[in-house]
C-alpha cells in the first residue's frame, strides 16, 4: 500500500512540473528571452546576437557614418558615380545583333577596299568569344560585364557600321522615315535618337555636327561611332 501511495505521489509531482510556467526547466535555467514579445527584437537578445537594424534604409544601431574620403572622391568619383559605373552590365551579343539589324547597319555603306562592314565583323567566328558570349558546350554563360576585348570589339563594329548610316539611302526598320543626315549635310536630332536608342539632346547634336565641321570627310562617321559606343557602355 505504501508502494502504491509513493508511486501516486511521484506521478503527481511530475504532472505539476510539466504544467508549470517553465521558469526552472533545465534548458533555459529559468531565464526568459530578453526580446520575448518584442517584434523588433533580435532572436537571441542584444547580449548574444548582433542587433541588426530592422529598417532597410537605416544603419545598424550604434554604427557611425563613415563619409567618403575627399582624396578618393577626387580620384575615382563619388560613391554614387562609382556604384553606377561598376554596376553597369554588358550589352549582350544578341542585343548587339538586334541593334545592327534594326538601325540599318547591315553593310549597305561604301567602305575602303578590303574593309569589312560592322555586320561582317559581328558575324566573324571570333566575335562571340571576344565579346564574352556564352559557351554552351562548356556550360559557360555569357559574361555579364564587359571586358577590354569586348569593348574594343564593339567599338570596331560600330566604327565600321558608321559607313552604313551616312549613305543617302539609309533606312532603319526601328525608325521609319528618319534620316541621319539632313539636306544640309548635318545631323538630325531624330537620326541621332534612332541610332542611340534614346532621345538625343542639343549637346549630342552640337558635338556631332562639330565633328563634321572639323573633318568633312570622316567627321560624321567618327561622331556616329563615338555616340553608338557611349550610348551602349553606360557613359
Foldseek 3Di string as FASTA:
>chain_A
DVVVVVVVVVVVVVVVVVPDPPLCDPPCNRDDAPCVVPPQADPRGVVPDQRQGPDPPDGGPPDDDDADDPVVCVVPNHPVVVVLQVPDWAQALVNLVVLCQQQQLQPPFDDPPPDDALNVLSPDPCLCVLLQPADVVVPRHRDGHGDPSNLVSLLSSLLRSLRRLLDPPRAGNNDGPDHQADPVRAGDQSSLCSNLVHGDDPVLRVCQRVQCVVPVPCSNSVSRSVSNSCSRNVD
